[in-house]
C-alpha atoms as a PDB file:
ATOM      1  CA  MET A   1       0.000   0.000   0.000  1.00  0.00           C
ATOM      2  CA  GLU A   2       2.880   2.388   0.805  1.00  0.00           C
ATOM      3  CA  LEU A   3       4.224   2.074  -2.754  1.00  0.00           C
ATOM      4  CA  GLN A   4       0.790   2.743  -4.253  1.00  0.00           C
ATOM      5  CA  GLU A   5       0.328   5.794  -2.002  1.00  0.00           C
ATOM      6  CA  LEU A   6       3.781   7.075  -2.975  1.00  0.00           C
ATOM      7  CA  GLY A   7       2.871   6.795  -6.653  1.00  0.00           C
ATOM      8  CA  LEU A   8      -0.394   8.663  -6.103  1.00  0.00           C
ATOM      9  CA  LEU A   9       1.379  11.404  -4.125  1.00  0.00           C
ATOM     10  CA  TYR A  10       4.002  11.716  -6.867  1.00  0.00           C
ATOM     11  CA  ARG A  11       1.336  12.236  -9.532  1.00  0.00           C
ATOM     12  CA  GLN A  12      -0.559  14.688  -7.319  1.00  0.00           C
ATOM     13  CA  THR A  13       2.609  16.704  -6.689  1.00  0.00           C
ATOM     14  CA  ALA A  14       3.333  16.789 -10.418  1.00  0.00           C
ATOM     15  CA  SER A  15      -0.185  18.095 -10.980  1.00  0.00           C
ATOM     16  CA  ASP A  16       0.311  20.759  -8.296  1.00  0.00           C
ATOM     17  CA  LEU A  17       3.582  21.812  -9.903  1.00  0.00           C
ATOM     18  CA  SER A  18       1.877  22.407 -13.241  1.00  0.00           C
ATOM     19  CA  VAL A  19      -0.545  24.776 -11.481  1.00  0.00           C
ATOM     20  CA  VAL A  20       2.194  26.583  -9.529  1.00  0.00           C
ATOM     21  CA  LEU A  21       4.264  27.146 -12.682  1.00  0.00           C
ATOM     22  CA  GLU A  22       1.448  29.285 -14.067  1.00  0.00           C
ATOM     23  CA  ASP A  23       1.825  31.692 -11.130  1.00  0.00           C
ATOM     24  CA  ALA A  24       4.923  33.881 -11.529  1.00  0.00           C
ATOM     25  CA  SER A  25       4.827  34.865  -7.853  1.00  0.00           C
ATOM     26  CA  SER A  26       5.334  31.254  -6.731  1.00  0.00           C
ATOM     27  CA  ALA A  27       8.816  30.727  -8.139  1.00  0.00           C
ATOM     28  CA  GLN A  28      10.253  29.616  -4.795  1.00  0.00           C
ATOM     29  CA  LEU A  29       7.488  27.037  -4.274  1.00  0.00           C
ATOM     30  CA  ALA A  30       7.899  25.816  -7.850  1.00  0.00           C
ATOM     31  CA  ALA A  31      11.629  25.307  -7.309  1.00  0.00           C
ATOM     32  CA  TYR A  32      10.929  23.329  -4.140  1.00  0.00           C
ATOM     33  CA  LEU A  33       8.360  21.108  -5.870  1.00  0.00           C
ATOM     34  CA  LYS A  34      10.754  20.482  -8.768  1.00  0.00           C
ATOM     35  CA  GLN A  35      13.452  19.403  -6.328  1.00  0.00           C
ATOM     36  CA  LEU A  36      10.994  17.183  -4.448  1.00  0.00           C
ATOM     37  CA  LEU A  37       9.773  15.572  -7.658  1.00  0.00           C
ATOM     38  CA  GLY A  38      13.333  14.995  -8.815  1.00  0.00           C
ATOM     39  CA  ARG A  39      14.244  13.116  -5.648  1.00  0.00           C
ATOM     40  CA  SER A  40      10.975  11.177  -5.740  1.00  0.00           C
ATOM     41  CA  HIS A  41      11.502  10.226  -9.376  1.00  0.00           C
ATOM     42  CA  ASN A  42      14.906   8.771  -8.581  1.00  0.00           C
ATOM     43  CA  LEU A  43      13.450   6.839  -5.675  1.00  0.00           C
ATOM     44  CA  ILE A  44      10.492   5.452  -7.609  1.00  0.00           C
ATOM     45  CA  TYR A  45      11.879   4.865 -11.085  1.00  0.00           C
ATOM     46  CA  MET A  46      15.637   4.570 -10.708  1.00  0.00           C
ATOM     47  CA  GLY A  47      15.799   2.516  -7.559  1.00  0.00           C
ATOM     48  CA  TYR A  48      14.666  -0.670  -9.261  1.00  0.00           C
ATOM     49  CA  ARG A  49      17.363  -2.899 -10.682  1.00  0.00           C
ATOM     50  CA  PRO A  50      16.324  -5.926 -12.711  1.00  0.00           C
ATOM     51  CA  LYS A  51      17.193  -9.120 -10.904  1.00  0.00           C
ATOM     52  CA  ALA A  52      18.848 -11.988 -12.706  1.00  0.00           C
ATOM     53  CA  GLY A  53      15.974 -14.243 -11.711  1.00  0.00           C
ATOM     54  CA  GLY A  54      13.231 -11.682 -12.313  1.00  0.00           C
ATOM     55  CA  ILE A  55      11.353 -13.768 -14.867  1.00  0.00           C
ATOM     56  CA  VAL A  56      11.690 -16.929 -12.804  1.00  0.00           C
ATOM     57  CA  SER A  57      10.508 -15.057  -9.712  1.00  0.00           C
ATOM     58  CA  PHE A  58       7.498 -13.741 -11.615  1.00  0.00           C
ATOM     59  CA  TYR A  59       6.337 -17.181 -12.681  1.00  0.00           C
ATOM     60  CA  LEU A  60       7.162 -18.926  -9.413  1.00  0.00           C
ATOM     61  CA  ASN A  61       6.072 -16.305  -6.888  1.00  0.00           C
ATOM     62  CA  THR A  62       4.057 -13.467  -8.409  1.00  0.00           C
ATOM     63  CA  TYR A  63       1.853 -15.109 -11.010  1.00  0.00           C
ATOM     64  CA  PRO A  64      -0.116 -17.480  -8.754  1.00  0.00           C
ATOM     65  CA  GLY A  65      -1.138 -14.485  -6.632  1.00  0.00           C
ATOM     66  CA  VAL A  66      -2.214 -12.477  -9.687  1.00  0.00           C
ATOM     67  CA  PHE A  67      -4.265 -15.452 -10.859  1.00  0.00           C
ATOM     68  CA  ARG A  68      -6.004 -15.852  -7.519  1.00  0.00           C
ATOM     69  CA  GLU A  69      -6.714 -12.123  -7.308  1.00  0.00           C
ATOM     70  CA  THR A  70      -8.638 -12.275 -10.582  1.00  0.00           C
ATOM     71  CA  LEU A  71     -10.062 -15.793 -10.154  1.00  0.00           C
ATOM     72  CA  PRO A  72     -13.722 -14.629 -10.136  1.00  0.00           C
ATOM     73  CA  LEU A  73     -13.299 -13.206 -13.644  1.00  0.00           C
ATOM     74  CA  THR A  74     -11.669 -16.417 -14.864  1.00  0.00           C
ATOM     75  CA  LEU A  75     -14.650 -18.322 -13.461  1.00  0.00           C
ATOM     76  CA  VAL A  76     -16.979 -16.004 -15.393  1.00  0.00           C
ATOM     77  CA  ALA A  77     -15.016 -16.773 -18.581  1.00  0.00           C
ATOM     78  CA  ILE A  78     -15.352 -20.503 -17.841  1.00  0.00           C
ATOM     79  CA  ALA A  79     -19.102 -20.120 -17.292  1.00  0.00           C
ATOM     80  CA  ILE A  80     -19.533 -18.273 -20.599  1.00  0.00           C
ATOM     81  CA  PHE A  81     -17.482 -20.930 -22.409  1.00  0.00           C
ATOM     82  CA  ALA A  82     -19.534 -23.712 -20.801  1.00  0.00           C
ATOM     83  CA  LEU A  83     -22.769 -21.971 -21.779  1.00  0.00           C
ATOM     84  CA  GLY A  84     -21.559 -21.819 -25.379  1.00  0.00           C
ATOM     85  CA  ALA A  85     -20.518 -25.487 -25.313  1.00  0.00           C
ATOM     86  CA  ILE A  86     -23.924 -26.585 -24.006  1.00  0.00           C
ATOM     87  CA  ALA A  87     -25.698 -24.464 -26.606  1.00  0.00           C
ATOM     88  CA  GLY A  88     -23.483 -25.818 -29.396  1.00  0.00           C
ATOM     89  CA  TRP A  89     -24.030 -29.418 -28.327  1.00  0.00           C
ATOM     90  CA  ALA A  90     -27.796 -28.971 -28.062  1.00  0.00           C
ATOM     91  CA  ALA A  91     -28.052 -27.189 -31.417  1.00  0.00           C
ATOM     92  CA  ALA A  92     -25.974 -29.828 -33.223  1.00  0.00           C
ATOM     93  CA  VAL A  93     -27.961 -32.717 -31.713  1.00  0.00           C
ATOM     94  CA  HIS A  94     -31.286 -31.068 -32.526  1.00  0.00           C
ATOM     95  CA  ASP A  95     -30.259 -29.975 -36.022  1.00  0.00           C
ATOM     96  CA  PRO A  96     -27.439 -31.951 -37.736  1.00  0.00           C
ATOM     97  CA  GLY A  97     -27.341 -29.284 -40.408  1.00  0.00           C
ATOM     98  CA  PHE A  98     -26.118 -26.821 -37.796  1.00  0.00           C
ATOM     99  CA  ALA A  99     -22.943 -28.857 -37.316  1.00  0.00           C
ATOM    100  CA  ASN A 100     -22.405 -28.926 -41.068  1.00  0.00           C
ATOM    101  CA  ARG A 101     -22.732 -25.148 -41.251  1.00  0.00           C
ATOM    102  CA  MET A 102     -20.384 -24.605 -38.320  1.00  0.00           C
ATOM    103  CA  LEU A 103     -17.681 -27.140 -39.210  1.00  0.00           C
ATOM    104  CA  GLY A 104     -17.966 -27.233 -42.986  1.00  0.00           C
ATOM    105  CA  PRO A 105     -18.741 -30.165 -45.322  1.00  0.00           C
ATOM    106  CA  LYS A 106     -15.139 -31.394 -45.518  1.00  0.00           C
ATOM    107  CA  MET A 107     -14.711 -31.842 -41.776  1.00  0.00           C
ATOM    108  CA  MET A 108     -18.166 -33.390 -41.424  1.00  0.00           C
ATOM    109  CA  GLU A 109     -17.347 -35.917 -44.164  1.00  0.00           C
ATOM    110  CA  THR A 110     -14.185 -36.850 -42.274  1.00  0.00           C
ATOM    111  CA  ILE A 111     -16.151 -37.347 -39.058  1.00  0.00           C
ATOM    112  CA  GLU A 112     -18.835 -39.377 -40.833  1.00  0.00           C
ATOM    113  CA  ARG A 113     -16.059 -41.688 -42.117  1.00  0.00           C
ATOM    114  CA  ARG A 114     -15.143 -42.138 -38.439  1.00  0.00           C
ATOM    115  CA  GLN A 115     -11.740 -40.655 -39.146  1.00  0.00           C
ATOM    116  CA  MET A 116     -10.047 -38.064 -36.953  1.00  0.00           C
ATOM    117  CA  TRP A 117      -9.122 -34.938 -38.899  1.00  0.00           C
ATOM    118  CA  THR A 118      -6.018 -34.683 -36.728  1.00  0.00           C
ATOM    119  CA  GLU A 119      -4.283 -37.654 -38.366  1.00  0.00           C
ATOM    120  CA  SER A 120      -2.623 -35.389 -40.923  1.00  0.00           C
ATOM    121  CA  VAL A 121      -0.768 -33.635 -38.096  1.00  0.00           C
ATOM    122  CA  VAL A 122       1.327 -36.719 -37.287  1.00  0.00           C
ATOM    123  CA  ALA A 123       3.340 -36.468 -40.511  1.00  0.00           C
ATOM    124  CA  ILE A 124       4.302 -32.818 -39.979  1.00  0.00           C
ATOM    125  CA  LYS A 125       4.766 -32.659 -36.210  1.00  0.00           C
ATOM    126  CA  PRO A 126       7.268 -29.753 -35.951  1.00  0.00           C
ATOM    127  CA  VAL A 127       5.359 -27.552 -38.392  1.00  0.00           C
ATOM    128  CA  ALA A 128       2.044 -28.446 -36.800  1.00  0.00           C
ATOM    129  CA  ALA A 129       3.297 -27.733 -33.280  1.00  0.00           C
ATOM    130  CA  SER A 130       4.558 -24.311 -34.359  1.00  0.00           C
ATOM    131  CA  ALA A 131       1.317 -23.445 -36.156  1.00  0.00           C
ATOM    132  CA  ILE A 132      -0.817 -24.653 -33.247  1.00  0.00           C
ATOM    133  CA  THR A 133       1.186 -22.656 -30.716  1.00  0.00           C
ATOM    134  CA  THR A 134       0.989 -19.533 -32.864  1.00  0.00           C
ATOM    135  CA  ASN A 135      -2.771 -19.940 -33.215  1.00  0.00           C
ATOM    136  CA  ASN A 136      -3.249 -20.467 -29.477  1.00  0.00           C
ATOM    137  CA  LEU A 137      -1.165 -17.397 -28.650  1.00  0.00           C
ATOM    138  CA  THR A 138      -3.206 -15.369 -31.135  1.00  0.00           C
ATOM    139  CA  VAL A 139      -6.461 -16.507 -29.539  1.00  0.00           C
ATOM    140  CA  ALA A 140      -5.210 -15.704 -26.025  1.00  0.00           C
ATOM    141  CA  PHE A 141      -3.938 -12.238 -26.897  1.00  0.00           C
ATOM    142  CA  THR A 142      -7.085 -11.466 -28.904  1.00  0.00           C
ATOM    143  CA  MET A 143      -9.268 -12.356 -25.920  1.00  0.00           C
ATOM    144  CA  PHE A 144      -7.112 -10.124 -23.719  1.00  0.00           C
ATOM    145  CA  ALA A 145      -6.966  -7.168 -26.117  1.00  0.00           C
ATOM    146  CA  SER A 146     -10.665  -7.369 -26.995  1.00  0.00           C
ATOM    147  CA  GLY A 147     -11.492  -6.406 -23.419  1.00  0.00           C
ATOM    148  CA  ILE A 148     -11.290  -2.781 -24.524  1.00  0.00           C
ATOM    149  CA  THR A 149     -14.428  -3.414 -26.619  1.00  0.00           C
ATOM    150  CA  VAL A 150     -16.216  -4.875 -23.548  1.00  0.00           C
ATOM    151  CA  ILE A 151     -18.158  -7.444 -25.595  1.00  0.00           C
ATOM    152  CA  GLY A 152     -15.049  -9.012 -27.173  1.00  0.00           C
ATOM    153  CA  PRO A 153     -14.018 -11.523 -24.479  1.00  0.00           C
ATOM    154  CA  VAL A 154     -17.660 -12.483 -23.906  1.00  0.00           C
ATOM    155  CA  TRP A 155     -18.255 -13.240 -27.581  1.00  0.00           C
ATOM    156  CA  LEU A 156     -14.952 -15.079 -28.073  1.00  0.00           C
ATOM    157  CA  SER A 157     -15.479 -17.250 -24.983  1.00  0.00           C
ATOM    158  CA  LEU A 158     -19.028 -18.023 -26.096  1.00  0.00           C
ATOM    159  CA  PHE A 159     -17.998 -18.821 -29.676  1.00  0.00           C
ATOM    160  CA  ASN A 160     -15.072 -21.058 -28.700  1.00  0.00           C
ATOM    161  CA  GLY A 161     -17.361 -22.960 -26.348  1.00  0.00           C
ATOM    162  CA  LEU A 162     -20.013 -23.218 -29.064  1.00  0.00           C
ATOM    163  CA  LEU A 163     -17.475 -24.662 -31.501  1.00  0.00           C
ATOM    164  CA  LEU A 164     -16.238 -27.268 -29.023  1.00  0.00           C
ATOM    165  CA  GLY A 165     -19.823 -28.235 -28.227  1.00  0.00           C
ATOM    166  CA  VAL A 166     -20.617 -28.735 -31.914  1.00  0.00           C
ATOM    167  CA  VAL A 167     -17.492 -30.841 -32.465  1.00  0.00           C
ATOM    168  CA  GLY A 168     -18.315 -32.879 -29.376  1.00  0.00           C
ATOM    169  CA  ALA A 169     -21.864 -33.554 -30.563  1.00  0.00           C
ATOM    170  CA  ALA A 170     -20.770 -34.436 -34.107  1.00  0.00           C
ATOM    171  CA  THR A 171     -18.111 -36.906 -32.953  1.00  0.00           C
ATOM    172  CA  TRP A 172     -20.483 -38.393 -30.356  1.00  0.00           C
ATOM    173  CA  HIS A 173     -23.103 -38.961 -33.044  1.00  0.00           C
ATOM    174  CA  ALA A 174     -20.464 -40.702 -35.184  1.00  0.00           C
ATOM    175  CA  GLY A 175     -19.324 -42.904 -32.284  1.00  0.00           C
ATOM    176  CA  MET A 176     -15.975 -41.089 -31.995  1.00  0.00           C
ATOM    177  CA  ALA A 177     -16.349 -39.434 -28.604  1.00  0.00           C
ATOM    178  CA  ILE A 178     -13.430 -41.349 -27.065  1.00  0.00           C
ATOM    179  CA  SER A 179     -11.219 -40.489 -30.035  1.00  0.00           C
ATOM    180  CA  LEU A 180     -12.003 -36.793 -29.664  1.00  0.00           C
ATOM    181  CA  TRP A 181     -11.598 -36.470 -25.913  1.00  0.00           C
ATOM    182  CA  SER A 182      -8.478 -38.637 -25.776  1.00  0.00           C
ATOM    183  CA  PHE A 183      -7.017 -36.253 -28.352  1.00  0.00           C
ATOM    184  CA  VAL A 184      -8.078 -33.165 -26.387  1.00  0.00           C
ATOM    185  CA  ALA A 185      -7.113 -34.381 -22.912  1.00  0.00           C
ATOM    186  CA  PRO A 186      -3.280 -34.214 -23.060  1.00  0.00           C
ATOM    187  CA  HIS A 187      -2.928 -30.662 -24.365  1.00  0.00           C
ATOM    188  CA  GLY A 188      -6.373 -29.373 -23.378  1.00  0.00           C
ATOM    189  CA  SER A 189      -5.479 -29.737 -19.708  1.00  0.00           C
ATOM    190  CA  LEU A 190      -3.196 -26.712 -20.170  1.00  0.00           C
ATOM    191  CA  GLU A 191      -4.576 -25.036 -23.281  1.00  0.00           C
ATOM    192  CA  LEU A 192      -8.152 -24.590 -22.082  1.00  0.00           C
ATOM    193  CA  PRO A 193      -7.194 -23.123 -18.679  1.00  0.00           C
ATOM    194  CA  ALA A 194      -4.841 -20.716 -20.469  1.00  0.00           C
ATOM    195  CA  ILE A 195      -7.669 -19.590 -22.757  1.00  0.00           C
ATOM    196  CA  PHE A 196      -9.984 -19.183 -19.761  1.00  0.00           C
ATOM    197  CA  ILE A 197      -7.364 -17.077 -17.971  1.00  0.00           C
ATOM    198  CA  ALA A 198      -6.930 -14.899 -21.073  1.00  0.00           C
ATOM    199  CA  GLY A 199     -10.706 -14.496 -21.200  1.00  0.00           C
ATOM    200  CA  GLY A 200     -10.668 -13.412 -17.562  1.00  0.00           C
ATOM    201  CA  ALA A 201      -7.945 -10.883 -18.394  1.00  0.00           C
ATOM    202  CA  GLY A 202     -10.130  -9.378 -21.105  1.00  0.00           C
ATOM    203  CA  LEU A 203     -13.076  -9.264 -18.719  1.00  0.00           C
ATOM    204  CA  ASP A 204     -10.914  -7.435 -16.159  1.00  0.00           C
ATOM    205  CA  ILE A 205     -10.327  -4.645 -18.671  1.00  0.00           C
ATOM    206  CA  ALA A 206     -14.019  -4.594 -19.600  1.00  0.00           C
ATOM    207  CA  ARG A 207     -14.992  -4.370 -15.931  1.00  0.00           C
ATOM    208  CA  ALA A 208     -12.695  -1.393 -15.385  1.00  0.00           C
ATOM    209  CA  LEU A 209     -14.354   0.419 -18.275  1.00  0.00           C
ATOM    210  CA  LEU A 210     -17.900  -0.310 -17.138  1.00  0.00           C
ATOM    211  CA  PHE A 211     -17.474  -0.274 -13.358  1.00  0.00           C
ATOM    212  CA  PRO A 212     -14.427   1.806 -12.325  1.00  0.00           C
ATOM    213  CA  GLY A 213     -15.769   2.108  -8.777  1.00  0.00           C
ATOM    214  CA  MET A 214     -14.340   4.968  -6.719  1.00  0.00           C
ATOM    215  CA  LEU A 215     -11.393   5.399  -9.079  1.00  0.00           C
ATOM    216  CA  PRO A 216     -11.318   7.634 -12.154  1.00  0.00           C
ATOM    217  CA  ARG A 217     -12.011   5.437 -15.170  1.00  0.00           C
ATOM    218  CA  ARG A 218      -8.524   6.061 -16.547  1.00  0.00           C
ATOM    219  CA  GLU A 219      -6.890   4.980 -13.274  1.00  0.00           C
ATOM    220  CA  ALA A 220      -9.117   1.896 -13.044  1.00  0.00           C
ATOM    221  CA  LEU A 221      -8.242   0.966 -16.631  1.00  0.00           C
ATOM    222  CA  THR A 222      -4.515   1.415 -15.961  1.00  0.00           C
ATOM    223  CA  ARG A 223      -4.632  -0.906 -12.971  1.00  0.00           C
ATOM    224  CA  ALA A 224      -6.759  -3.489 -14.764  1.00  0.00           C
ATOM    225  CA  GLY A 225      -4.463  -3.335 -17.784  1.00  0.00           C
ATOM    226  CA  GLY A 226      -1.465  -4.093 -15.589  1.00  0.00           C
ATOM    227  CA  ARG A 227      -3.156  -7.095 -13.989  1.00  0.00           C
ATOM    228  CA  ALA A 228      -4.496  -8.354 -17.315  1.00  0.00           C
ATOM    229  CA  SER A 229      -1.086  -8.042 -18.988  1.00  0.00           C
ATOM    230  CA  ARG A 230       0.528 -10.123 -16.262  1.00  0.00           C
ATOM    231  CA  LEU A 231      -2.278 -12.680 -16.497  1.00  0.00           C
ATOM    232  CA  VAL A 232      -1.739 -13.170 -20.226  1.00  0.00           C
ATOM    233  CA  LEU A 233       2.036 -13.196 -19.841  1.00  0.00           C
ATOM    234  CA  GLY A 234       1.641 -16.062 -17.412  1.00  0.00           C
ATOM    235  CA  THR A 235      -0.194 -18.161 -19.987  1.00  0.00           C
ATOM    236  CA  LEU A 236       2.746 -18.195 -22.416  1.00  0.00           C
ATOM    237  CA  PRO A 237       4.498 -21.266 -20.934  1.00  0.00           C
ATOM    238  CA  LEU A 238       1.168 -23.099 -20.737  1.00  0.00           C
ATOM    239  CA  LEU A 239       0.418 -22.448 -24.396  1.00  0.00           C
ATOM    240  CA  LEU A 240       3.942 -23.342 -25.514  1.00  0.00           C
ATOM    241  CA  VAL A 241       3.810 -26.683 -23.708  1.00  0.00           C
ATOM    242  CA  ALA A 242       0.236 -27.325 -24.877  1.00  0.00           C
ATOM    243  CA  GLY A 243       1.139 -26.590 -28.499  1.00  0.00           C
ATOM    244  CA  THR A 244       4.100 -28.964 -28.343  1.00  0.00           C
ATOM    245  CA  ILE A 245       1.965 -31.744 -26.865  1.00  0.00           C
ATOM    246  CA  GLU A 246      -0.810 -31.143 -29.397  1.00  0.00           C
ATOM    247  CA  GLY A 247       1.632 -31.308 -32.286  1.00  0.00           C
ATOM    248  CA  PHE A 248       3.779 -34.230 -31.142  1.00  0.00           C
ATOM    249  CA  PHE A 249       1.677 -36.437 -28.840  1.00  0.00           C
ATOM    250  CA  SER A 250      -2.086 -35.815 -28.883  1.00  0.00           C
ATOM    251  CA  PRO A 251      -2.720 -37.027 -32.477  1.00  0.00           C
ATOM    252  CA  THR A 252      -0.586 -40.181 -32.146  1.00  0.00           C
ATOM    253  CA  ASP A 253      -1.931 -43.686 -31.582  1.00  0.00           C
ATOM    254  CA  ALA A 254      -0.660 -43.766 -27.999  1.00  0.00           C
ATOM    255  CA  PRO A 255      -2.945 -45.696 -25.617  1.00  0.00           C
ATOM    256  CA  VAL A 256      -6.087 -43.811 -24.671  1.00  0.00           C
ATOM    257  CA  ALA A 257      -5.432 -44.412 -20.977  1.00  0.00           C
ATOM    258  CA  MET A 258      -1.984 -42.845 -21.313  1.00  0.00           C
ATOM    259  CA  LYS A 259      -3.425 -39.725 -22.933  1.00  0.00           C
ATOM    260  CA  PHE A 260      -6.045 -39.247 -20.244  1.00  0.00           C
ATOM    261  CA  ALA A 261      -3.471 -39.937 -17.529  1.00  0.00           C
ATOM    262  CA  LEU A 262      -1.101 -37.313 -18.936  1.00  0.00           C
ATOM    263  CA  GLY A 263      -3.920 -34.789 -19.149  1.00  0.00           C
ATOM    264  CA  GLY A 264      -4.932 -35.488 -15.567  1.00  0.00           C
ATOM    265  CA  LEU A 265      -1.377 -35.185 -14.270  1.00  0.00           C
ATOM    266  CA  LEU A 266      -0.765 -31.906 -16.096  1.00  0.00           C
ATOM    267  CA  PHE A 267      -4.028 -30.428 -14.853  1.00  0.00           C
ATOM    268  CA  ALA A 268      -3.297 -31.504 -11.281  1.00  0.00           C
ATOM    269  CA  ALA A 269       0.177 -29.964 -11.527  1.00  0.00           C
ATOM    270  CA  LEU A 270      -1.334 -26.726 -12.851  1.00  0.00           C
ATOM    271  CA  LEU A 271      -3.810 -26.547  -9.962  1.00  0.00           C
ATOM    272  CA  ALA A 272      -1.031 -27.215  -7.455  1.00  0.00           C
ATOM    273  CA  TYR A 273       1.022 -24.416  -9.016  1.00  0.00           C
ATOM    274  CA  LEU A 274      -1.799 -21.872  -9.086  1.00  0.00           C
ATOM    275  CA  PHE A 275      -3.339 -22.626  -5.694  1.00  0.00           C
ATOM    276  CA  GLY A 276      -0.503 -24.208  -3.769  1.00  0.00           C
ATOM    277  CA  ARG A 277       1.881 -21.272  -3.574  1.00  0.00           C
ATOM    278  CA  SER A 278       1.547 -18.458  -1.062  1.00  0.00           C
ATOM    279  CA  SER A 279       2.493 -15.208  -2.731  1.00  0.00           C
ATOM    280  CA  SER A 280       1.696 -11.540  -2.467  1.00  0.00           C
ATOM    281  CA  VAL A 281       0.486  -9.440  -5.366  1.00  0.00           C
ATOM    282  CA  THR A 282       2.287  -6.173  -5.926  1.00  0.00           C
ATOM    283  CA  GLU A 283       2.533  -3.887  -8.906  1.00  0.00           C
ATOM    284  CA  GLY A 284       6.263  -4.379  -9.193  1.00  0.00           C
ATOM    285  CA  SER A 285       6.669  -8.010  -8.313  1.00  0.00           C
ATOM    286  CA  GLY A 286       8.917  -9.953 -10.585  1.00  0.00           C
ATOM    287  CA  LEU A 287       8.171  -8.057 -13.761  1.00  0.00           C
END
């Protein structure tokens, strides 16, 4: 709290100085405020020295606290995604043509042949892993950045859930449910939480715009932007690992039990990391 108060006092003093400078009779006070601001600037902005383990400290100590601070928004993103998935499943079961419109004739033909569309990935694993990771990063950053539009993270979470629900219904109807979920489980245990967290980051920005509370909207947006940026930054390792698994392991013919076991272990490890560490959340922690 002391650091936050110091920052607020610094900005207030800078504002006062701009007023004093307009009054020619207050030259002595202006000189004093300039000197005070100079010393404060050095204390606030020059006193920090990057630590060799700054990035490691961020991921090990700071990030779990940032995640827990914004957990309610991540849960909202999960709820929106789940709502979309339920709607997509119900629509595809009720109207098979809906799945065809959503997924396209080519993919539906593949599913109707009881063939996983992911089999082509096996032959080009390195290229596929790179493309998958790039796509996942794009989705995460889009969900984060779209928070400025307010509706963006809501729509993207809903649409992604809708798409998964449609795919789930189509593969279930074709008797391929185990094939689908054994493919999703290994990488989805990290990829889906990362997408949910990015959705929560976008919602944090949207909340600051709509409900700034007692703060000026600009100040609320600045704070939310800082939290949201750190949230998305923390998803990078998750998406990199998930993309590698999706490109190299998920589409293989490894035993189904092994795929589900790996997914379960990774998800358990992620929960232990996010909820098992005691850390404080500060504006300057780690990064």
